[in-house]
Amino acid sequence: MTQTPTKPFPPSSDRAKQIRLVLWILLAAIVAGGLVWYAALTTSGPAPEVPQPAANAQLVRGDSHRLTSPAVEKAQLVEFLDFECESCRAAHPLVEELKREYGDRITFVNRYFPLPGHRNSGTAALAVEASAQQGKYEQMAAKLFETQPQWGGKQESQAALFRGYAQELGLDLARYDAAVADEGARERIRQDVEDGTALGVTGTPTFFLNGKKLVLNTEADFRQLLTDAAR
């Protein structure tokens, strides 16, 4: 399951228009489907039960990854994402652009939502979480989106590849390995999945603006909603 928006680094205007068109076609084509399973965080074994909606579900928790820190917060934009999701990859450049434009007024928050059909989405989330513990959340997330065409869709584990990316980013590999193996990191991702499921998230990327789940049709609509919220 997926959704999207986009805008890469300065390509030709025609190419940018084509990318945006594909992006919004994908967004419009999203159909809600199925709940996310905890199996996304494991390498084998039977599928566990579907998590039931939690009465204490939260859109943003104290340890959620806040990517901007406005001096005066006007709004919060929360994105549930999957690093193996092609639509999330397509949306990433636009979200980065919006962060630059609105980050001084809107708090951008990312939460994990690995999908069951993506063999390495849970592994990717663990790699990002382990990197976040060394202050490199955004760098690893960007690296995974950049390289997704090389590893996305593969059935074999990409953990070794992701560890190589951690080395490229200059992370302490002993600390990285410990974080990946830590059940606490897995539990953190499961908590995001639980919250997202209880809040009605069924595909990625899913955005919430000030607690309201967004239904996006065009980039202009997205930008206008942020403009209105940031006033």
C-alpha atoms as a PDB file:
ATOM      1  CA  MET A   1       0.000   0.000   0.000  1.00  0.00           C
ATOM      2  CA  THR A   2       1.190   3.473  -0.664  1.00  0.00           C
ATOM      3  CA  GLN A   3       0.466   7.171  -1.411  1.00  0.00           C
ATOM      4  CA  THR A   4       2.528  10.264  -2.514  1.00  0.00           C
ATOM      5  CA  PRO A   5       3.779  13.830  -3.513  1.00  0.00           C
ATOM      6  CA  THR A   6       7.205  14.829  -5.152  1.00  0.00           C
ATOM      7  CA  LYS A   7       9.819  17.199  -6.410  1.00  0.00           C
ATOM      8  CA  PRO A   8      13.431  16.177  -6.893  1.00  0.00           C
ATOM      9  CA  PHE A   9      16.536  18.322  -7.027  1.00  0.00           C
ATOM     10  CA  PRO A  10      16.474  20.832  -9.891  1.00  0.00           C
ATOM     11  CA  PRO A  11      15.644  18.631 -12.914  1.00  0.00           C
ATOM     12  CA  SER A  12      14.300  20.061 -16.141  1.00  0.00           C
ATOM     13  CA  SER A  13      10.861  21.641 -15.824  1.00  0.00           C
ATOM     14  CA  ASP A  14       9.308  18.977 -18.049  1.00  0.00           C
ATOM     15  CA  ARG A  15      10.799  16.166 -15.991  1.00  0.00           C
ATOM     16  CA  ALA A  16       9.645  17.825 -12.776  1.00  0.00           C
ATOM     17  CA  LYS A  17       6.109  18.052 -14.155  1.00  0.00           C
ATOM     18  CA  GLN A  18       6.165  14.395 -15.172  1.00  0.00           C
ATOM     19  CA  ILE A  19       7.360  13.328 -11.733  1.00  0.00           C
ATOM     20  CA  ARG A  20       4.688  15.408 -10.027  1.00  0.00           C
ATOM     21  CA  LEU A  21       2.009  13.996 -12.316  1.00  0.00           C
ATOM     22  CA  VAL A  22       3.020  10.417 -11.535  1.00  0.00           C
ATOM     23  CA  LEU A  23       3.138  11.294  -7.859  1.00  0.00           C
ATOM     24  CA  TRP A  24      -0.381  12.631  -7.666  1.00  0.00           C
ATOM     25  CA  ILE A  25      -1.751   9.829  -9.831  1.00  0.00           C
ATOM     26  CA  LEU A  26      -0.316   7.422  -7.274  1.00  0.00           C
ATOM     27  CA  LEU A  27      -1.856   9.405  -4.428  1.00  0.00           C
ATOM     28  CA  ALA A  28      -5.254   9.417  -6.090  1.00  0.00           C
ATOM     29  CA  ALA A  29      -5.015   5.689  -6.759  1.00  0.00           C
ATOM     30  CA  ILE A  30      -4.396   4.666  -3.156  1.00  0.00           C
ATOM     31  CA  VAL A  31      -6.933   2.194  -1.867  1.00  0.00           C
ATOM     32  CA  ALA A  32      -7.084   1.368   1.798  1.00  0.00           C
ATOM     33  CA  GLY A  33      -6.045  -2.205   2.251  1.00  0.00           C
ATOM     34  CA  GLY A  34      -5.304  -4.411   5.199  1.00  0.00           C
ATOM     35  CA  LEU A  35      -3.672  -3.694   8.522  1.00  0.00           C
ATOM     36  CA  VAL A  36       0.065  -3.684   9.174  1.00  0.00           C
ATOM     37  CA  TRP A  37       1.416  -6.751  10.937  1.00  0.00           C
ATOM     38  CA  TYR A  38       4.280  -6.967  13.342  1.00  0.00           C
ATOM     39  CA  ALA A  39       5.783  -9.523  10.966  1.00  0.00           C
ATOM     40  CA  ALA A  40       7.314  -6.568   9.150  1.00  0.00           C
ATOM     41  CA  LEU A  41       9.825  -6.446  11.996  1.00  0.00           C
ATOM     42  CA  THR A  42      10.732 -10.110  11.923  1.00  0.00           C
ATOM     43  CA  THR A  43      12.515 -12.320   9.442  1.00  0.00           C
ATOM     44  CA  SER A  44      10.404 -15.448   9.726  1.00  0.00           C
ATOM     45  CA  GLY A  45       7.614 -17.189  11.566  1.00  0.00           C
ATOM     46  CA  PRO A  46       3.824 -17.175  11.291  1.00  0.00           C
ATOM     47  CA  ALA A  47       1.933 -13.911  10.923  1.00  0.00           C
ATOM     48  CA  PRO A  48       0.879 -12.587  14.331  1.00  0.00           C
ATOM     49  CA  GLU A  49      -2.587 -11.373  15.136  1.00  0.00           C
ATOM     50  CA  VAL A  50      -3.739  -8.035  13.803  1.00  0.00           C
ATOM     51  CA  PRO A  51      -3.175  -5.431  16.529  1.00  0.00           C
ATOM     52  CA  GLN A  52      -6.443  -4.132  17.942  1.00  0.00           C
ATOM     53  CA  PRO A  53      -7.087  -0.372  18.109  1.00  0.00           C
ATOM     54  CA  ALA A  54      -5.523   0.912  21.309  1.00  0.00           C
ATOM     55  CA  ALA A  55      -7.549   3.154  23.562  1.00  0.00           C
ATOM     56  CA  ASN A  56      -4.386   5.080  24.420  1.00  0.00           C
ATOM     57  CA  ALA A  57      -3.216   5.554  20.815  1.00  0.00           C
ATOM     58  CA  GLN A  58      -1.285   8.777  20.303  1.00  0.00           C
ATOM     59  CA  LEU A  59      -0.527  10.656  17.118  1.00  0.00           C
ATOM     60  CA  VAL A  60       2.711  12.031  18.547  1.00  0.00           C
ATOM     61  CA  ARG A  61       4.627  10.577  21.472  1.00  0.00           C
ATOM     62  CA  GLY A  62       7.422  12.028  23.544  1.00  0.00           C
ATOM     63  CA  ASP A  63      10.053  10.059  21.635  1.00  0.00           C
ATOM     64  CA  SER A  64       8.596  10.585  18.158  1.00  0.00           C
ATOM     65  CA  HIS A  65      11.077  11.904  15.618  1.00  0.00           C
ATOM     66  CA  ARG A  66      10.550  15.646  15.284  1.00  0.00           C
ATOM     67  CA  LEU A  67      12.399  16.923  12.237  1.00  0.00           C
ATOM     68  CA  THR A  68      11.789  20.624  12.802  1.00  0.00           C
ATOM     69  CA  SER A  69      11.698  22.698  15.984  1.00  0.00           C
ATOM     70  CA  PRO A  70       9.872  25.982  15.382  1.00  0.00           C
ATOM     71  CA  ALA A  71      10.281  28.630  18.050  1.00  0.00           C
ATOM     72  CA  VAL A  72       6.533  29.161  17.895  1.00  0.00           C
ATOM     73  CA  GLU A  73       4.659  26.093  16.710  1.00  0.00           C
ATOM     74  CA  LYS A  74       1.607  26.838  14.593  1.00  0.00           C
ATOM     75  CA  ALA A  75       0.844  23.262  13.581  1.00  0.00           C
ATOM     76  CA  GLN A  76       2.092  19.674  13.479  1.00  0.00           C
ATOM     77  CA  LEU A  77       2.403  17.551  10.338  1.00  0.00           C
ATOM     78  CA  VAL A  78       2.802  13.853  11.123  1.00  0.00           C
ATOM     79  CA  GLU A  79       3.820  11.372   8.423  1.00  0.00           C
ATOM     80  CA  PHE A  80       3.550   7.603   8.812  1.00  0.00           C
ATOM     81  CA  LEU A  81       6.028   6.108   6.351  1.00  0.00           C
ATOM     82  CA  ASP A  82       7.705   2.969   5.049  1.00  0.00           C
ATOM     83  CA  PHE A  83      11.245   3.225   3.660  1.00  0.00           C
ATOM     84  CA  GLU A  84      10.570   0.479   1.107  1.00  0.00           C
ATOM     85  CA  CYS A  85       7.426   2.221  -0.141  1.00  0.00           C
ATOM     86  CA  GLU A  86       7.868   3.712  -3.622  1.00  0.00           C
ATOM     87  CA  SER A  87       5.271   6.385  -2.943  1.00  0.00           C
ATOM     88  CA  CYS A  88       7.089   7.448   0.221  1.00  0.00           C
ATOM     89  CA  ARG A  89      10.248   7.752  -1.842  1.00  0.00           C
ATOM     90  CA  ALA A  90       8.392   9.850  -4.412  1.00  0.00           C
ATOM     91  CA  ALA A  91       6.988  12.061  -1.658  1.00  0.00           C
ATOM     92  CA  HIS A  92      10.316  12.552   0.106  1.00  0.00           C
ATOM     93  CA  PRO A  93      11.671  15.448  -2.035  1.00  0.00           C
ATOM     94  CA  LEU A  94       8.444  17.402  -1.686  1.00  0.00           C
ATOM     95  CA  VAL A  95       8.305  16.837   2.064  1.00  0.00           C
ATOM     96  CA  GLU A  96      11.897  18.068   2.306  1.00  0.00           C
ATOM     97  CA  GLU A  97      10.937  21.173   0.341  1.00  0.00           C
ATOM     98  CA  LEU A  98       7.943  21.797   2.587  1.00  0.00           C
ATOM     99  CA  LYS A  99      10.149  21.402   5.660  1.00  0.00           C
ATOM    100  CA  ARG A 100      12.371  24.184   4.369  1.00  0.00           C
ATOM    101  CA  GLU A 101       9.377  26.414   3.647  1.00  0.00           C
ATOM    102  CA  TYR A 102       7.300  25.784   6.766  1.00  0.00           C
ATOM    103  CA  GLY A 103       9.729  24.311   9.292  1.00  0.00           C
ATOM    104  CA  ASP A 104       9.949  27.584  11.206  1.00  0.00           C
ATOM    105  CA  ARG A 105       6.220  27.374  11.959  1.00  0.00           C
ATOM    106  CA  ILE A 106       5.234  23.709  11.604  1.00  0.00           C
ATOM    107  CA  THR A 107       6.680  20.753  13.480  1.00  0.00           C
ATOM    108  CA  PHE A 108       7.279  17.899  11.034  1.00  0.00           C
ATOM    109  CA  VAL A 109       7.092  14.485  12.713  1.00  0.00           C
ATOM    110  CA  ASN A 110       7.973  11.089  11.218  1.00  0.00           C
ATOM    111  CA  ARG A 111       6.626   7.773  12.462  1.00  0.00           C
ATOM    112  CA  TYR A 112       7.419   4.261  11.286  1.00  0.00           C
ATOM    113  CA  PHE A 113       4.811   2.172   9.497  1.00  0.00           C
ATOM    114  CA  PRO A 114       6.511  -0.797   7.756  1.00  0.00           C
ATOM    115  CA  LEU A 115       4.052  -2.607   5.506  1.00  0.00           C
ATOM    116  CA  PRO A 116       3.690  -6.398   5.468  1.00  0.00           C
ATOM    117  CA  GLY A 117       4.231  -6.751   1.727  1.00  0.00           C
ATOM    118  CA  HIS A 118       7.696  -5.205   1.928  1.00  0.00           C
ATOM    119  CA  ARG A 119      10.270  -7.792   2.989  1.00  0.00           C
ATOM    120  CA  ASN A 120      12.875  -5.272   4.184  1.00  0.00           C
ATOM    121  CA  SER A 121      10.703  -2.437   5.444  1.00  0.00           C
ATOM    122  CA  GLY A 122      11.061  -3.498   9.083  1.00  0.00           C
ATOM    123  CA  THR A 123      14.800  -3.984   8.646  1.00  0.00           C
ATOM    124  CA  ALA A 124      15.044  -0.517   7.100  1.00  0.00           C
ATOM    125  CA  ALA A 125      13.113   1.012   9.999  1.00  0.00           C
ATOM    126  CA  LEU A 126      15.536  -0.644  12.437  1.00  0.00           C
ATOM    127  CA  ALA A 127      18.486   0.774  10.473  1.00  0.00           C
ATOM    128  CA  VAL A 128      17.001   4.261  10.678  1.00  0.00           C
ATOM    129  CA  GLU A 129      16.188   3.911  14.365  1.00  0.00           C
ATOM    130  CA  ALA A 130      19.717   2.694  15.109  1.00  0.00           C
ATOM    131  CA  SER A 131      21.083   5.668  13.159  1.00  0.00           C
ATOM    132  CA  ALA A 132      18.762   8.042  15.010  1.00  0.00           C
ATOM    133  CA  GLN A 133      20.388   6.974  18.264  1.00  0.00           C
ATOM    134  CA  GLN A 134      23.585   8.541  16.902  1.00  0.00           C
ATOM    135  CA  GLY A 135      21.866  11.681  15.614  1.00  0.00           C
ATOM    136  CA  LYS A 136      21.624  10.500  12.002  1.00  0.00           C
ATOM    137  CA  TYR A 137      17.908   9.813  11.553  1.00  0.00           C
ATOM    138  CA  GLU A 138      17.439  12.098   8.548  1.00  0.00           C
ATOM    139  CA  GLN A 139      20.721  11.096   6.916  1.00  0.00           C
ATOM    140  CA  MET A 140      19.901   7.380   7.000  1.00  0.00           C
ATOM    141  CA  ALA A 141      16.306   7.971   5.910  1.00  0.00           C
ATOM    142  CA  ALA A 142      17.523   9.995   2.930  1.00  0.00           C
ATOM    143  CA  LYS A 143      20.102   7.316   2.069  1.00  0.00           C
ATOM    144  CA  LEU A 144      17.485   4.573   2.078  1.00  0.00           C
ATOM    145  CA  PHE A 145      15.133   6.542  -0.155  1.00  0.00           C
ATOM    146  CA  GLU A 146      17.981   7.443  -2.504  1.00  0.00           C
ATOM    147  CA  THR A 147      19.054   3.804  -2.868  1.00  0.00           C
ATOM    148  CA  GLN A 148      15.612   2.189  -2.683  1.00  0.00           C
ATOM    149  CA  PRO A 149      15.666   1.119  -6.377  1.00  0.00           C
ATOM    150  CA  GLN A 150      18.698  -1.059  -5.590  1.00  0.00           C
ATOM    151  CA  TRP A 151      17.298  -2.876  -2.532  1.00  0.00           C
ATOM    152  CA  GLY A 152      13.529  -2.415  -2.565  1.00  0.00           C
ATOM    153  CA  GLY A 153      11.479  -5.459  -3.477  1.00  0.00           C
ATOM    154  CA  LYS A 154      14.230  -7.966  -2.708  1.00  0.00           C
ATOM    155  CA  GLN A 155      13.287 -11.035  -0.697  1.00  0.00           C
ATOM    156  CA  GLU A 156      16.668 -11.578   0.956  1.00  0.00           C
ATOM    157  CA  SER A 157      17.607  -9.502   3.978  1.00  0.00           C
ATOM    158  CA  GLN A 158      19.310  -6.191   3.218  1.00  0.00           C
ATOM    159  CA  ALA A 159      20.627  -5.756   6.766  1.00  0.00           C
ATOM    160  CA  ALA A 160      24.257  -5.999   5.652  1.00  0.00           C
ATOM    161  CA  LEU A 161      23.709  -3.342   2.986  1.00  0.00           C
ATOM    162  CA  PHE A 162      22.106  -1.023   5.506  1.00  0.00           C
ATOM    163  CA  ARG A 163      25.031  -1.578   7.872  1.00  0.00           C
ATOM    164  CA  GLY A 164      27.299  -0.497   5.032  1.00  0.00           C
ATOM    165  CA  TYR A 165      25.293   2.708   4.741  1.00  0.00           C
ATOM    166  CA  ALA A 166      25.767   3.250   8.482  1.00  0.00           C
ATOM    167  CA  GLN A 167      29.506   2.957   7.962  1.00  0.00           C
ATOM    168  CA  GLU A 168      29.360   5.464   5.093  1.00  0.00           C
ATOM    169  CA  LEU A 169      27.547   7.883   7.397  1.00  0.00           C
ATOM    170  CA  GLY A 170      30.374   7.597   9.910  1.00  0.00           C
ATOM    171  CA  LEU A 171      28.386   5.844  12.607  1.00  0.00           C
ATOM    172  CA  ASP A 172      29.969   3.866  15.418  1.00  0.00           C
ATOM    173  CA  LEU A 173      29.221   0.374  14.109  1.00  0.00           C
ATOM    174  CA  ALA A 174      29.403  -1.292  17.499  1.00  0.00           C
ATOM    175  CA  ARG A 175      26.700   1.055  18.766  1.00  0.00           C
ATOM    176  CA  TYR A 176      24.736   0.619  15.549  1.00  0.00           C
ATOM    177  CA  ASP A 177      24.821  -3.187  15.818  1.00  0.00           C
ATOM    178  CA  ALA A 178      23.758  -3.034  19.450  1.00  0.00           C
ATOM    179  CA  ALA A 179      20.837  -0.775  18.602  1.00  0.00           C
ATOM    180  CA  VAL A 180      19.675  -3.020  15.744  1.00  0.00           C
ATOM    181  CA  ALA A 181      19.756  -6.019  18.069  1.00  0.00           C
ATOM    182  CA  ASP A 182      18.047  -4.178  20.915  1.00  0.00           C
ATOM    183  CA  GLU A 183      14.454  -5.261  21.508  1.00  0.00           C
ATOM    184  CA  GLY A 184      13.772  -1.711  22.638  1.00  0.00           C
ATOM    185  CA  ALA A 185      14.292  -0.427  19.095  1.00  0.00           C
ATOM    186  CA  ARG A 186      11.846  -3.002  17.740  1.00  0.00           C
ATOM    187  CA  GLU A 187       9.322  -2.112  20.420  1.00  0.00           C
ATOM    188  CA  ARG A 188       9.605   1.556  19.478  1.00  0.00           C
ATOM    189  CA  ILE A 189       8.704   0.713  15.876  1.00  0.00           C
ATOM    190  CA  ARG A 190       5.873  -1.562  17.002  1.00  0.00           C
ATOM    191  CA  GLN A 191       4.470   1.316  19.054  1.00  0.00           C
ATOM    192  CA  ASP A 192       4.364   3.501  15.938  1.00  0.00           C
ATOM    193  CA  VAL A 193       2.585   0.693  14.073  1.00  0.00           C
ATOM    194  CA  GLU A 194       0.081   0.250  16.905  1.00  0.00           C
ATOM    195  CA  ASP A 195      -0.677   3.950  17.046  1.00  0.00           C
ATOM    196  CA  GLY A 196      -0.961   4.250  13.277  1.00  0.00           C
ATOM    197  CA  THR A 197      -3.286   1.248  13.036  1.00  0.00           C
ATOM    198  CA  ALA A 198      -5.509   2.592  15.803  1.00  0.00           C
ATOM    199  CA  LEU A 199      -5.615   5.962  14.058  1.00  0.00           C
ATOM    200  CA  GLY A 200      -6.783   4.426  10.790  1.00  0.00           C
ATOM    201  CA  VAL A 201      -3.512   4.308   8.855  1.00  0.00           C
ATOM    202  CA  THR A 202      -3.629   1.550   6.217  1.00  0.00           C
ATOM    203  CA  GLY A 203      -1.105   2.733   3.631  1.00  0.00           C
ATOM    204  CA  THR A 204       1.904   4.984   3.281  1.00  0.00           C
ATOM    205  CA  PRO A 205       2.623   7.788   3.259  1.00  0.00           C
ATOM    206  CA  THR A 206      -0.269   8.919   5.457  1.00  0.00           C
ATOM    207  CA  PHE A 207      -0.247  12.502   6.722  1.00  0.00           C
ATOM    208  CA  PHE A 208      -2.037  14.075   9.673  1.00  0.00           C
ATOM    209  CA  LEU A 209      -2.193  17.865   9.999  1.00  0.00           C
ATOM    210  CA  ASN A 210      -3.122  19.032  13.488  1.00  0.00           C
ATOM    211  CA  GLY A 211      -4.631  15.628  14.168  1.00  0.00           C
ATOM    212  CA  LYS A 212      -6.700  15.448  10.980  1.00  0.00           C
ATOM    213  CA  LYS A 213      -5.949  12.708   8.460  1.00  0.00           C
ATOM    214  CA  LEU A 214      -5.348  14.328   5.084  1.00  0.00           C
ATOM    215  CA  VAL A 215      -6.819  13.264   1.756  1.00  0.00           C
ATOM    216  CA  LEU A 216      -4.533  14.829  -0.844  1.00  0.00           C
ATOM    217  CA  ASN A 217      -5.359  15.349  -4.510  1.00  0.00           C
ATOM    218  CA  THR A 218      -2.695  17.775  -5.676  1.00  0.00           C
ATOM    219  CA  GLU A 219       0.530  19.300  -4.466  1.00  0.00           C
ATOM    220  CA  ALA A 220      -1.192  22.681  -4.501  1.00  0.00           C
ATOM    221  CA  ASP A 221      -3.828  21.367  -2.071  1.00  0.00           C
ATOM    222  CA  PHE A 222      -1.103  20.069   0.241  1.00  0.00           C
ATOM    223  CA  ARG A 223       0.786  23.328   0.187  1.00  0.00           C
ATOM    224  CA  GLN A 224      -2.385  25.376   0.766  1.00  0.00           C
ATOM    225  CA  LEU A 225      -3.306  23.303   3.800  1.00  0.00           C
ATOM    226  CA  LEU A 226       0.121  23.955   5.302  1.00  0.00           C
ATOM    227  CA  THR A 227      -0.085  27.641   4.441  1.00  0.00           C
ATOM    228  CA  ASP A 228      -3.430  27.957   6.194  1.00  0.00           C
ATOM    229  CA  ALA A 229      -2.210  25.996   9.231  1.00  0.00           C
ATOM    230  CA  ALA A 230       0.978  28.057   9.536  1.00  0.00           C
ATOM    231  CA  ARG A 231      -0.789  31.418   9.786  1.00  0.00           C
END
